[in-house]
C-alpha atoms as a PDB file:
ATOM      1  CA  MET A   1       0.000   0.000   0.000  1.00  0.00           C
ATOM      2  CA  ASN A   2       1.200   3.541  -0.781  1.00  0.00           C
ATOM      3  CA  VAL A   3       2.732   5.050   2.369  1.00  0.00           C
ATOM      4  CA  ARG A   4       1.489   8.596   1.684  1.00  0.00           C
ATOM      5  CA  LEU A   5      -2.015   7.281   1.069  1.00  0.00           C
ATOM      6  CA  THR A   6      -1.847   5.363   4.343  1.00  0.00           C
ATOM      7  CA  TYR A   7      -0.800   8.481   6.261  1.00  0.00           C
ATOM      8  CA  GLY A   8      -3.575  10.451   4.555  1.00  0.00           C
ATOM      9  CA  ILE A   9      -6.246   7.870   5.421  1.00  0.00           C
ATOM     10  CA  THR A  10      -4.996   7.555   9.006  1.00  0.00           C
ATOM     11  CA  VAL A  11      -4.965  11.328   9.551  1.00  0.00           C
ATOM     12  CA  PHE A  12      -8.479  11.566   8.066  1.00  0.00           C
ATOM     13  CA  LEU A  13      -9.709   8.816  10.424  1.00  0.00           C
ATOM     14  CA  LEU A  14      -7.967  10.602  13.307  1.00  0.00           C
ATOM     15  CA  ILE A  15      -9.769  13.886  12.530  1.00  0.00           C
ATOM     16  CA  VAL A  16     -13.136  12.095  12.256  1.00  0.00           C
ATOM     17  CA  ALA A  17     -12.494  10.284  15.554  1.00  0.00           C
ATOM     18  CA  ILE A  18     -11.595  13.562  17.285  1.00  0.00           C
ATOM     19  CA  ILE A  19     -14.773  15.280  16.041  1.00  0.00           C
ATOM     20  CA  LEU A  20     -16.987  12.350  17.086  1.00  0.00           C
ATOM     21  CA  SER A  21     -15.275  12.145  20.492  1.00  0.00           C
ATOM     22  CA  ILE A  22     -15.900  15.867  21.061  1.00  0.00           C
ATOM     23  CA  ILE A  23     -19.567  15.699  20.038  1.00  0.00           C
ATOM     24  CA  TYR A  24     -20.710  12.503  21.762  1.00  0.00           C
ATOM     25  CA  GLY A  25     -20.613  12.033  25.535  1.00  0.00           C
ATOM     26  CA  GLU A  26     -22.465  12.735  28.771  1.00  0.00           C
ATOM     27  CA  VAL A  27     -22.675  16.477  28.056  1.00  0.00           C
ATOM     28  CA  SER A  28     -24.421  17.274  24.766  1.00  0.00           C
ATOM     29  CA  VAL A  29     -22.171  19.144  22.327  1.00  0.00           C
ATOM     30  CA  SER A  30     -23.496  19.987  18.861  1.00  0.00           C
ATOM     31  CA  MET A  31     -21.469  20.523  15.702  1.00  0.00           C
ATOM     32  CA  ASN A  32     -22.327  24.229  15.974  1.00  0.00           C
ATOM     33  CA  ASP A  33     -20.834  24.233  19.489  1.00  0.00           C
ATOM     34  CA  VAL A  34     -17.651  22.649  18.118  1.00  0.00           C
ATOM     35  CA  GLN A  35     -17.411  25.266  15.350  1.00  0.00           C
ATOM     36  CA  ALA A  36     -18.056  28.068  17.843  1.00  0.00           C
ATOM     37  CA  TYR A  37     -15.407  26.648  20.167  1.00  0.00           C
ATOM     38  CA  PHE A  38     -12.711  26.659  17.479  1.00  0.00           C
ATOM     39  CA  TYR A  39     -13.769  30.133  16.333  1.00  0.00           C
ATOM     40  CA  HIS A  40     -13.321  31.165  19.969  1.00  0.00           C
ATOM     41  CA  ILE A  41      -9.831  29.634  20.060  1.00  0.00           C
ATOM     42  CA  LEU A  42      -8.791  31.203  16.749  1.00  0.00           C
ATOM     43  CA  LEU A  43     -10.683  34.511  16.763  1.00  0.00           C
ATOM     44  CA  GLY A  44     -11.678  35.094  20.381  1.00  0.00           C
ATOM     45  CA  GLN A  45     -15.447  35.021  19.740  1.00  0.00           C
ATOM     46  CA  GLU A  46     -17.884  34.506  22.645  1.00  0.00           C
ATOM     47  CA  VAL A  47     -19.199  30.949  23.142  1.00  0.00           C
ATOM     48  CA  ASN A  48     -21.690  29.054  25.295  1.00  0.00           C
ATOM     49  CA  THR A  49     -19.724  28.347  28.490  1.00  0.00           C
ATOM     50  CA  ILE A  50     -21.144  24.880  29.267  1.00  0.00           C
ATOM     51  CA  PRO A  51     -20.174  23.139  25.981  1.00  0.00           C
ATOM     52  CA  SER A  52     -16.945  25.148  25.901  1.00  0.00           C
ATOM     53  CA  SER A  53     -15.978  23.975  29.402  1.00  0.00           C
ATOM     54  CA  ALA A  54     -16.876  20.370  28.532  1.00  0.00           C
ATOM     55  CA  ILE A  55     -14.670  20.507  25.437  1.00  0.00           C
ATOM     56  CA  THR A  56     -11.747  22.272  27.145  1.00  0.00           C
ATOM     57  CA  TYR A  57     -11.563  20.410  30.447  1.00  0.00           C
ATOM     58  CA  ILE A  58     -13.033  16.990  29.596  1.00  0.00           C
ATOM     59  CA  ARG A  59     -13.116  16.113  25.898  1.00  0.00           C
ATOM     60  CA  ILE A  60      -9.793  17.548  24.659  1.00  0.00           C
ATOM     61  CA  PRO A  61      -7.627  16.139  27.517  1.00  0.00           C
ATOM     62  CA  HIS A  62      -9.510  12.837  27.143  1.00  0.00           C
ATOM     63  CA  ILE A  63      -8.803  12.664  23.399  1.00  0.00           C
ATOM     64  CA  ILE A  64      -5.146  13.684  23.730  1.00  0.00           C
ATOM     65  CA  THR A  65      -4.590  11.152  26.518  1.00  0.00           C
ATOM     66  CA  ALA A  66      -6.235   8.368  24.502  1.00  0.00           C
ATOM     67  CA  PHE A  67      -3.995   9.196  21.531  1.00  0.00           C
ATOM     68  CA  LEU A  68      -0.843   9.293  23.682  1.00  0.00           C
ATOM     69  CA  ILE A  69      -1.675   5.991  25.380  1.00  0.00           C
ATOM     70  CA  GLY A  70      -2.439   4.308  22.055  1.00  0.00           C
ATOM     71  CA  ALA A  71       0.782   5.675  20.561  1.00  0.00           C
ATOM     72  CA  GLY A  72       2.812   4.674  23.621  1.00  0.00           C
ATOM     73  CA  LEU A  73       1.402   1.143  23.783  1.00  0.00           C
ATOM     74  CA  SER A  74       2.022   0.676  20.060  1.00  0.00           C
ATOM     75  CA  LEU A  75       5.603   1.916  20.408  1.00  0.00           C
ATOM     76  CA  THR A  76       6.373  -0.365  23.360  1.00  0.00           C
ATOM     77  CA  GLY A  77       4.714  -3.311  21.610  1.00  0.00           C
ATOM     78  CA  LEU A  78       6.801  -2.732  18.487  1.00  0.00           C
ATOM     79  CA  VAL A  79      10.030  -2.474  20.476  1.00  0.00           C
ATOM     80  CA  MET A  80       9.266  -5.629  22.473  1.00  0.00           C
ATOM     81  CA  GLN A  81       8.472  -7.596  19.306  1.00  0.00           C
ATOM     82  CA  THR A  82      11.801  -6.494  17.838  1.00  0.00           C
ATOM     83  CA  VAL A  83      13.845  -7.021  21.006  1.00  0.00           C
ATOM     84  CA  MET A  84      12.330 -10.456  21.648  1.00  0.00           C
ATOM     85  CA  GLN A  85      12.280 -11.366  17.938  1.00  0.00           C
ATOM     86  CA  ASN A  86       8.753 -12.632  18.522  1.00  0.00           C
ATOM     87  CA  ASP A  87       5.635 -11.351  16.746  1.00  0.00           C
ATOM     88  CA  LEU A  88       3.487 -12.067  19.823  1.00  0.00           C
ATOM     89  CA  ALA A  89       5.692 -10.195  22.297  1.00  0.00           C
ATOM     90  CA  ASP A  90       4.444  -7.081  24.068  1.00  0.00           C
ATOM     91  CA  PRO A  91       4.858  -5.584  27.576  1.00  0.00           C
ATOM     92  CA  TYR A  92       1.976  -7.737  28.845  1.00  0.00           C
ATOM     93  CA  LEU A  93       3.587 -10.994  27.750  1.00  0.00           C
ATOM     94  CA  LEU A  94       6.783 -10.147  29.643  1.00  0.00           C
ATOM     95  CA  GLY A  95       4.835  -9.210  32.769  1.00  0.00           C
ATOM     96  CA  ILE A  96       5.951  -5.567  32.756  1.00  0.00           C
ATOM     97  CA  SER A  97       2.387  -4.256  32.537  1.00  0.00           C
ATOM     98  CA  SER A  98       1.275  -6.769  35.157  1.00  0.00           C
ATOM     99  CA  GLY A  99       4.024  -5.471  37.442  1.00  0.00           C
ATOM    100  CA  ALA A 100       2.699  -1.931  37.051  1.00  0.00           C
ATOM    101  CA  ASN A 101      -0.790  -3.259  37.691  1.00  0.00           C
ATOM    102  CA  LEU A 102       0.326  -5.068  40.862  1.00  0.00           C
ATOM    103  CA  GLY A 103       1.984  -1.890  42.119  1.00  0.00           C
ATOM    104  CA  ALA A 104      -1.230   0.081  41.586  1.00  0.00           C
ATOM    105  CA  VAL A 105      -3.313  -2.640  43.274  1.00  0.00           C
ATOM    106  CA  ALA A 106      -0.928  -2.696  46.252  1.00  0.00           C
ATOM    107  CA  ALA A 107      -1.278   1.082  46.647  1.00  0.00           C
ATOM    108  CA  ILE A 108      -5.089   0.789  46.531  1.00  0.00           C
ATOM    109  CA  ILE A 109      -5.164  -2.014  49.116  1.00  0.00           C
ATOM    110  CA  LEU A 110      -2.789  -0.138  51.434  1.00  0.00           C
ATOM    111  CA  GLY A 111      -4.766   3.079  50.975  1.00  0.00           C
ATOM    112  CA  ILE A 112      -1.730   4.995  49.705  1.00  0.00           C
ATOM    113  CA  THR A 113      -3.370   7.590  47.471  1.00  0.00           C
ATOM    114  CA  THR A 114      -0.558  10.143  47.879  1.00  0.00           C
ATOM    115  CA  PHE A 115       3.149   9.843  48.648  1.00  0.00           C
ATOM    116  CA  ALA A 116       5.367  12.918  49.080  1.00  0.00           C
ATOM    117  CA  ASN A 117       2.536  15.033  47.577  1.00  0.00           C
ATOM    118  CA  VAL A 118       2.550  12.873  44.428  1.00  0.00           C
ATOM    119  CA  ALA A 119      -0.098  10.337  43.407  1.00  0.00           C
ATOM    120  CA  GLY A 120       0.876   7.203  45.337  1.00  0.00           C
ATOM    121  CA  ILE A 121      -0.866   4.835  42.927  1.00  0.00           C
ATOM    122  CA  GLY A 122       1.189   6.259  40.066  1.00  0.00           C
ATOM    123  CA  ILE A 123       4.461   5.838  41.953  1.00  0.00           C
ATOM    124  CA  PHE A 124       3.618   2.237  42.873  1.00  0.00           C
ATOM    125  CA  ALA A 125       2.585   1.423  39.280  1.00  0.00           C
ATOM    126  CA  PHE A 126       5.826   2.921  37.982  1.00  0.00           C
ATOM    127  CA  LEU A 127       7.926   1.023  40.533  1.00  0.00           C
ATOM    128  CA  GLY A 128       6.044  -2.210  39.854  1.00  0.00           C
ATOM    129  CA  ALA A 129       6.950  -2.087  36.163  1.00  0.00           C
ATOM    130  CA  LEU A 130      10.616  -1.342  36.906  1.00  0.00           C
ATOM    131  CA  ILE A 131      10.850  -4.076  39.567  1.00  0.00           C
ATOM    132  CA  VAL A 132       9.498  -6.711  37.172  1.00  0.00           C
ATOM    133  CA  ALA A 133      11.955  -5.581  34.477  1.00  0.00           C
ATOM    134  CA  PHE A 134      14.784  -5.794  37.034  1.00  0.00           C
ATOM    135  CA  ILE A 135      13.674  -9.300  38.118  1.00  0.00           C
ATOM    136  CA  ILE A 136      13.523 -10.541  34.514  1.00  0.00           C
ATOM    137  CA  LEU A 137      16.989  -9.174  33.723  1.00  0.00           C
ATOM    138  CA  SER A 138      18.436 -10.440  37.038  1.00  0.00           C
ATOM    139  CA  ILE A 139      17.150 -13.996  36.532  1.00  0.00           C
ATOM    140  CA  ALA A 140      18.393 -13.990  32.941  1.00  0.00           C
ATOM    141  CA  ASN A 141      21.830 -12.769  34.111  1.00  0.00           C
ATOM    142  CA  ILE A 142      21.978 -15.431  36.837  1.00  0.00           C
ATOM    143  CA  MET A 143      21.140 -18.070  34.227  1.00  0.00           C
ATOM    144  CA  ARG A 144      23.739 -16.444  31.931  1.00  0.00           C
ATOM    145  CA  ARG A 145      21.102 -16.520  29.208  1.00  0.00           C
ATOM    146  CA  LEU A 146      20.017 -13.132  27.957  1.00  0.00           C
ATOM    147  CA  ASP A 147      18.505 -14.451  24.744  1.00  0.00           C
ATOM    148  CA  ALA A 148      14.963 -13.494  23.720  1.00  0.00           C
ATOM    149  CA  VAL A 149      13.383 -16.929  24.299  1.00  0.00           C
ATOM    150  CA  THR A 150      14.661 -17.135  27.884  1.00  0.00           C
ATOM    151  CA  MET A 151      13.358 -13.649  28.713  1.00  0.00           C
ATOM    152  CA  ILE A 152       9.947 -14.434  27.235  1.00  0.00           C
ATOM    153  CA  LEU A 153       9.669 -17.615  29.316  1.00  0.00           C
ATOM    154  CA  ILE A 154      10.757 -15.786  32.491  1.00  0.00           C
ATOM    155  CA  GLY A 155       8.314 -12.959  31.775  1.00  0.00           C
ATOM    156  CA  PHE A 156       5.484 -15.380  31.058  1.00  0.00           C
ATOM    157  CA  GLY A 157       6.024 -17.084  34.429  1.00  0.00           C
ATOM    158  CA  ILE A 158       6.195 -13.758  36.287  1.00  0.00           C
ATOM    159  CA  ASN A 159       3.067 -12.518  34.505  1.00  0.00           C
ATOM    160  CA  ALA A 160       1.094 -15.620  35.532  1.00  0.00           C
ATOM    161  CA  PHE A 161       2.321 -15.297  39.137  1.00  0.00           C
ATOM    162  CA  ILE A 162       1.399 -11.603  39.374  1.00  0.00           C
ATOM    163  CA  MET A 163      -2.065 -12.078  37.890  1.00  0.00           C
ATOM    164  CA  GLY A 164      -2.604 -14.875  40.412  1.00  0.00           C
ATOM    165  CA  LEU A 165      -1.649 -12.501  43.244  1.00  0.00           C
ATOM    166  CA  VAL A 166      -4.026  -9.818  41.959  1.00  0.00           C
ATOM    167  CA  SER A 167      -6.901 -12.307  41.650  1.00  0.00           C
ATOM    168  CA  PHE A 168      -6.173 -13.576  45.171  1.00  0.00           C
ATOM    169  CA  ALA A 169      -6.229 -10.004  46.522  1.00  0.00           C
ATOM    170  CA  ILE A 170      -9.596  -9.327  44.864  1.00  0.00           C
ATOM    171  CA  THR A 171     -11.024 -12.565  46.297  1.00  0.00           C
ATOM    172  CA  LEU A 172     -10.075 -11.533  49.838  1.00  0.00           C
ATOM    173  CA  MET A 173     -11.154  -7.907  49.408  1.00  0.00           C
ATOM    174  CA  ALA A 174     -14.087  -6.874  51.603  1.00  0.00           C
ATOM    175  CA  ASP A 175     -14.060  -3.166  50.732  1.00  0.00           C
ATOM    176  CA  THR A 176     -16.239  -2.776  47.612  1.00  0.00           C
ATOM    177  CA  SER A 177     -14.845   0.695  46.807  1.00  0.00           C
ATOM    178  CA  LYS A 178     -11.310  -0.718  46.674  1.00  0.00           C
ATOM    179  CA  THR A 179     -12.541  -3.637  44.565  1.00  0.00           C
ATOM    180  CA  LYS A 180     -13.996  -1.180  42.042  1.00  0.00           C
ATOM    181  CA  SER A 181     -10.712   0.739  41.982  1.00  0.00           C
ATOM    182  CA  ILE A 182      -8.829  -2.489  41.266  1.00  0.00           C
ATOM    183  CA  GLN A 183     -11.273  -3.329  38.478  1.00  0.00           C
ATOM    184  CA  PHE A 184     -10.442   0.080  36.978  1.00  0.00           C
ATOM    185  CA  TRP A 185      -6.812  -0.967  36.639  1.00  0.00           C
ATOM    186  CA  LEU A 186      -7.651  -4.439  35.339  1.00  0.00           C
ATOM    187  CA  LEU A 187     -10.131  -3.313  32.654  1.00  0.00           C
ATOM    188  CA  GLY A 188      -8.637   0.059  31.725  1.00  0.00           C
ATOM    189  CA  SER A 189     -10.287   3.469  31.946  1.00  0.00           C
ATOM    190  CA  LEU A 190      -9.638   7.114  31.098  1.00  0.00           C
ATOM    191  CA  GLN A 191     -11.830   8.495  33.889  1.00  0.00           C
ATOM    192  CA  ASN A 192      -8.838   9.812  35.850  1.00  0.00           C
ATOM    193  CA  VAL A 193      -7.636  12.032  32.996  1.00  0.00           C
ATOM    194  CA  SER A 194      -6.402  15.507  33.955  1.00  0.00           C
ATOM    195  CA  VAL A 195      -4.411  18.237  32.234  1.00  0.00           C
ATOM    196  CA  SER A 196      -1.363  17.600  34.451  1.00  0.00           C
ATOM    197  CA  LEU A 197      -1.481  13.844  33.787  1.00  0.00           C
ATOM    198  CA  THR A 198      -1.815  14.432  30.050  1.00  0.00           C
ATOM    199  CA  THR A 199       1.179  16.797  30.121  1.00  0.00           C
ATOM    200  CA  VAL A 200       3.398  14.265  31.913  1.00  0.00           C
ATOM    201  CA  LEU A 201       2.295  11.511  29.548  1.00  0.00           C
ATOM    202  CA  PHE A 202       3.025  13.737  26.541  1.00  0.00           C
ATOM    203  CA  VAL A 203       6.598  14.354  27.722  1.00  0.00           C
ATOM    204  CA  VAL A 204       7.208  10.646  28.413  1.00  0.00           C
ATOM    205  CA  ILE A 205       5.834   9.461  25.050  1.00  0.00           C
ATOM    206  CA  ILE A 206       7.713  12.133  23.059  1.00  0.00           C
ATOM    207  CA  LEU A 207      10.986  11.268  24.815  1.00  0.00           C
ATOM    208  CA  GLY A 208      10.329   7.586  24.102  1.00  0.00           C
ATOM    209  CA  LEU A 209       9.701   8.387  20.429  1.00  0.00           C
ATOM    210  CA  ILE A 210      12.905  10.430  20.132  1.00  0.00           C
ATOM    211  CA  PHE A 211      14.979   7.755  21.880  1.00  0.00           C
ATOM    212  CA  PHE A 212      13.771   4.807  19.824  1.00  0.00           C
ATOM    213  CA  ILE A 213      13.923   6.729  16.530  1.00  0.00           C
ATOM    214  CA  SER A 214      17.580   7.396  17.367  1.00  0.00           C
ATOM    215  CA  GLN A 215      18.004   3.638  17.937  1.00  0.00           C
ATOM    216  CA  SER A 216      16.440   2.626  14.607  1.00  0.00           C
ATOM    217  CA  ARG A 217      19.636   1.098  13.207  1.00  0.00           C
ATOM    218  CA  ILE A 218      20.162  -1.062  16.299  1.00  0.00           C
ATOM    219  CA  LEU A 219      16.524  -2.177  16.223  1.00  0.00           C
ATOM    220  CA  ASP A 220      16.895  -3.072  12.532  1.00  0.00           C
ATOM    221  CA  MET A 221      20.010  -5.052  13.417  1.00  0.00           C
ATOM    222  CA  MET A 222      18.113  -7.008  16.072  1.00  0.00           C
ATOM    223  CA  LEU A 223      15.886  -8.424  13.346  1.00  0.00           C
ATOM    224  CA  LEU A 224      18.973 -10.114  11.861  1.00  0.00           C
ATOM    225  CA  GLY A 225      19.456 -12.258  14.956  1.00  0.00           C
ATOM    226  CA  GLU A 226      22.082 -12.411  17.701  1.00  0.00           C
ATOM    227  CA  GLU A 227      24.769 -14.353  15.812  1.00  0.00           C
ATOM    228  CA  LEU A 228      24.695 -12.253  12.638  1.00  0.00           C
ATOM    229  CA  SER A 229      24.729  -9.020  14.661  1.00  0.00           C
ATOM    230  CA  ILE A 230      27.841 -10.168  16.551  1.00  0.00           C
ATOM    231  CA  THR A 231      29.618 -10.891  13.254  1.00  0.00           C
ATOM    232  CA  MET A 232      28.822  -7.283  12.272  1.00  0.00           C
ATOM    233  CA  GLY A 233      30.556  -6.065  15.433  1.00  0.00           C
ATOM    234  CA  ARG A 234      27.500  -5.462  17.632  1.00  0.00           C
ATOM    235  CA  SER A 235      26.496  -7.400  20.743  1.00  0.00           C
ATOM    236  CA  LEU A 236      22.802  -6.818  21.366  1.00  0.00           C
ATOM    237  CA  VAL A 237      22.697  -7.951  25.005  1.00  0.00           C
ATOM    238  CA  VAL A 238      23.276  -4.501  26.528  1.00  0.00           C
ATOM    239  CA  TYR A 239      20.877  -2.827  24.096  1.00  0.00           C
ATOM    240  CA  ARG A 240      18.211  -5.415  24.879  1.00  0.00           C
ATOM    241  CA  GLN A 241      18.479  -4.668  28.603  1.00  0.00           C
ATOM    242  CA  ILE A 242      18.377  -0.894  28.079  1.00  0.00           C
ATOM    243  CA  TYR A 243      15.336  -1.121  25.815  1.00  0.00           C
ATOM    244  CA  ILE A 244      13.443  -3.292  28.299  1.00  0.00           C
ATOM    245  CA  VAL A 245      14.080  -0.731  31.057  1.00  0.00           C
ATOM    246  CA  ILE A 246      12.946   2.176  28.826  1.00  0.00           C
ATOM    247  CA  VAL A 247       9.820   0.248  27.815  1.00  0.00           C
ATOM    248  CA  SER A 248       9.127  -0.448  31.499  1.00  0.00           C
ATOM    249  CA  ILE A 249       9.296   3.263  32.318  1.00  0.00           C
ATOM    250  CA  ILE A 250       6.865   4.152  29.516  1.00  0.00           C
ATOM    251  CA  VAL A 251       4.492   1.320  30.448  1.00  0.00           C
ATOM    252  CA  GLY A 252       4.567   2.349  34.118  1.00  0.00           C
ATOM    253  CA  PHE A 253       3.290   5.823  33.217  1.00  0.00           C
ATOM    254  CA  ILE A 254       0.681   4.421  30.812  1.00  0.00           C
ATOM    255  CA  VAL A 255      -0.716   1.942  33.346  1.00  0.00           C
ATOM    256  CA  TYR A 256      -0.884   4.731  35.912  1.00  0.00           C
ATOM    257  CA  ALA A 257      -2.913   6.835  33.488  1.00  0.00           C
ATOM    258  CA  SER A 258      -5.271   4.175  32.178  1.00  0.00           C
ATOM    259  CA  GLY A 259      -4.839   0.788  33.822  1.00  0.00           C
ATOM    260  CA  ILE A 260      -4.362  -2.308  31.681  1.00  0.00           C
ATOM    261  CA  ILE A 261      -5.234  -1.950  27.983  1.00  0.00           C
ATOM    262  CA  GLY A 262      -4.428  -5.019  25.929  1.00  0.00           C
ATOM    263  CA  PHE A 263      -4.198  -5.811  22.221  1.00  0.00           C
ATOM    264  CA  VAL A 264      -2.974  -2.344  21.138  1.00  0.00           C
ATOM    265  CA  GLY A 265       0.721  -3.125  21.571  1.00  0.00           C
ATOM    266  CA  LEU A 266       0.223  -6.537  19.987  1.00  0.00           C
ATOM    267  CA  VAL A 267      -1.889  -5.681  16.932  1.00  0.00           C
ATOM    268  CA  ILE A 268      -0.922  -2.183  15.774  1.00  0.00           C
ATOM    269  CA  PRO A 269       2.782  -2.885  15.009  1.00  0.00           C
ATOM    270  CA  HIS A 270       1.650  -5.650  12.639  1.00  0.00           C
ATOM    271  CA  CYS A 271      -0.662  -3.203  10.830  1.00  0.00           C
ATOM    272  CA  ALA A 272       2.188  -0.730  10.312  1.00  0.00           C
ATOM    273  CA  ARG A 273       4.634  -3.463   9.266  1.00  0.00           C
ATOM    274  CA  PHE A 274       2.140  -4.664   6.691  1.00  0.00           C
ATOM    275  CA  ILE A 275       2.283  -1.183   5.102  1.00  0.00           C
ATOM    276  CA  VAL A 276       5.893   0.063   5.416  1.00  0.00           C
ATOM    277  CA  GLY A 277       7.940  -3.060   6.106  1.00  0.00           C
ATOM    278  CA  GLN A 278      10.551  -3.617   8.822  1.00  0.00           C
ATOM    279  CA  LYS A 279      12.694  -0.449   8.744  1.00  0.00           C
ATOM    280  CA  HIS A 280      12.134   1.171  12.144  1.00  0.00           C
ATOM    281  CA  LYS A 281      12.791   4.760  11.065  1.00  0.00           C
ATOM    282  CA  ARG A 282       9.603   4.579   8.980  1.00  0.00           C
ATOM    283  CA  LEU A 283       7.855   1.980  11.104  1.00  0.00           C
ATOM    284  CA  ILE A 284       7.906   3.756  14.483  1.00  0.00           C
ATOM    285  CA  PRO A 285       6.067   6.994  13.492  1.00  0.00           C
ATOM    286  CA  LEU A 286       3.371   5.151  11.523  1.00  0.00           C
ATOM    287  CA  THR A 287       2.894   2.608  14.319  1.00  0.00           C
ATOM    288  CA  MET A 288       2.347   5.383  16.851  1.00  0.00           C
ATOM    289  CA  LEU A 289      -0.013   7.328  14.565  1.00  0.00           C
ATOM    290  CA  ILE A 290      -2.156   4.254  13.871  1.00  0.00           C
ATOM    291  CA  GLY A 291      -2.088   3.253  17.552  1.00  0.00           C
ATOM    292  CA  GLY A 292      -3.212   6.663  18.770  1.00  0.00           C
ATOM    293  CA  THR A 293      -5.977   6.852  16.160  1.00  0.00           C
ATOM    294  CA  PHE A 294      -7.129   3.316  16.966  1.00  0.00           C
ATOM    295  CA  LEU A 295      -7.458   4.001  20.693  1.00  0.00           C
ATOM    296  CA  ILE A 296      -9.451   7.215  20.148  1.00  0.00           C
ATOM    297  CA  TRP A 297     -11.883   5.206  18.005  1.00  0.00           C
ATOM    298  CA  ALA A 298     -12.012   2.389  20.587  1.00  0.00           C
ATOM    299  CA  ASP A 299     -12.690   4.914  23.354  1.00  0.00           C
ATOM    300  CA  ALA A 300     -15.414   6.676  21.333  1.00  0.00           C
ATOM    301  CA  ILE A 301     -17.109   3.354  20.558  1.00  0.00           C
ATOM    302  CA  GLY A 302     -16.881   2.208  24.180  1.00  0.00           C
ATOM    303  CA  ARG A 303     -18.430   5.439  25.474  1.00  0.00           C
ATOM    304  CA  ASN A 304     -21.347   5.496  23.044  1.00  0.00           C
ATOM    305  CA  ILE A 305     -22.187   1.971  21.868  1.00  0.00           C
ATOM    306  CA  ILE A 306     -24.502   1.309  24.856  1.00  0.00           C
ATOM    307  CA  SER A 307     -26.774   4.166  25.909  1.00  0.00           C
ATOM    308  CA  GLY A 308     -26.142   5.344  29.474  1.00  0.00           C
ATOM    309  CA  MET A 309     -23.158   3.025  29.956  1.00  0.00           C
ATOM    310  CA  GLU A 310     -19.439   3.399  29.295  1.00  0.00           C
ATOM    311  CA  LEU A 311     -17.428   0.308  28.430  1.00  0.00           C
ATOM    312  CA  PRO A 312     -13.928   0.185  29.958  1.00  0.00           C
ATOM    313  CA  ILE A 313     -11.437   1.196  27.293  1.00  0.00           C
ATOM    314  CA  GLY A 314      -9.510  -2.050  27.775  1.00  0.00           C
ATOM    315  CA  VAL A 315     -12.661  -3.965  26.827  1.00  0.00           C
ATOM    316  CA  SER A 316     -13.491  -1.820  23.783  1.00  0.00           C
ATOM    317  CA  ALA A 317      -9.848  -1.966  22.606  1.00  0.00           C
ATOM    318  CA  ALA A 318      -9.888  -5.772  22.803  1.00  0.00           C
ATOM    319  CA  VAL A 319     -13.267  -6.005  21.037  1.00  0.00           C
ATOM    320  CA  CYS A 320     -12.033  -3.731  18.221  1.00  0.00           C
ATOM    321  CA  GLY A 321      -8.511  -5.175  18.127  1.00  0.00           C
ATOM    322  CA  ALA A 322      -9.277  -8.902  18.017  1.00  0.00           C
ATOM    323  CA  PRO A 323     -11.067  -8.849  14.612  1.00  0.00           C
ATOM    324  CA  LEU A 324      -8.287  -6.633  13.234  1.00  0.00           C
ATOM    325  CA  PHE A 325      -5.673  -9.119  14.432  1.00  0.00           C
ATOM    326  CA  LEU A 326      -7.532 -12.045  12.833  1.00  0.00           C
ATOM    327  CA  TRP A 327      -7.829 -10.084   9.570  1.00  0.00           C
ATOM    328  CA  LEU A 328      -4.071  -9.448   9.579  1.00  0.00           C
ATOM    329  CA  LEU A 329      -3.408 -13.156  10.118  1.00  0.00           C
ATOM    330  CA  LEU A 330      -5.646 -14.022   7.170  1.00  0.00           C
ATOM    331  CA  LYS A 331      -3.923 -11.424   4.950  1.00  0.00           C
ATOM    332  CA  ARG A 332      -0.537 -12.739   6.004  1.00  0.00           C
ATOM    333  CA  GLY A 333      -1.600 -16.326   5.330  1.00  0.00           C
ATOM    334  CA  SER A 334      -2.918 -15.456   1.870  1.00  0.00           C
ATOM    335  CA  LYS A 335       0.474 -13.935   0.941  1.00  0.00           C
ATOM    336  CA  ARG A 336       2.307 -17.200   1.627  1.00  0.00           C
END
C-alpha cells in the first residue's frame, strides 16, 4: 500500500475520531458548538460556556490522553516484538504491565493515594513495572542466558504469578470501593484524565519516540538475529536490557494513566509493518499514529455503543482489536 495514502487515510480517520469524540458524551455538544469553540480559540469570539468547558476540560484532555496511550502502547509493543524477535511479544507478555498493575493494586489495598505530595498509585505502578523488568533481567543474568526466548519464558512465568496474586487479593477484598478501583486498573479506563497527567504523559511518550527513533539502526540489526549481529561487530545484550528498562518506564506511566489496555501493543505494530515493512525509522512513526488513532476510536465506541453506559477502554480496545488481528493473520496467510 502507498505510504502517503496510508498516512492520509490515518490522519483523516484521526480527525473524524476527534470530532466524534468531542460531540458525543455525557454532556451534549453539537457541531455548531464545536465550530463556535474553534472560532473562539482562533478569533476570540464569545461561546456558550457549558459546551466550551466540557470541550476544554473533559473532551480535549480525554482525546489527547487516549492518543498518547495508544501511541505509547504501540511503540512499546513494536520495540518488544523487535527485542524479543517474537511477533506475539508485548509488555503484557513479559509481565511488565502486570508489574505496574500489581503496584497500583498494592497502593489501593494499602490506601496509599498520595506519597510525598505525588499520586501514590502512580508511583507504585511505575515502581512495579521497573521491579518486574529488574527481576527478569536479574534472573536472565543469573542463568547467563540473555537471549529473547529465555526472557519471554521468564516474563510469562512472572506474569502468571502476578495475575494470580491480583486475583487472590480481589477474592479476599471486603471493601467494595477498593474492589472497584482495582477493576479500573484491570479493565482500563480514562476516567482519571487531567491536564497535568496528560502533560506528563506527553513528555514521556515524546521522549520515548525520540529515543527509539535514534536507535532505529540497532533495532533493525536485532531483526537479523544475535549471531549475525555479533559478526557485524554489535552485541545486542546490553541494548536489549536498556530497551526493556525504557519500555518499562513508559508502560509504568501508561498503566498509571489508564490501567491495563491489551491488544494495542500486539496488533498495531503488525498493521504498520504490513504497510511500510521492517525499517524502524519509517515503522515507528506510523505505528504510533495508527495506535493513537485506533485508541481514540475504541474509546469513542466504548463510550457510546450502549446508551447510558461506558465500556472500559480495555474492553473496547480488545473487542475492536481482536477482529483486526484475525484479519491481519488471514492477509498474512494469503500472501504465503
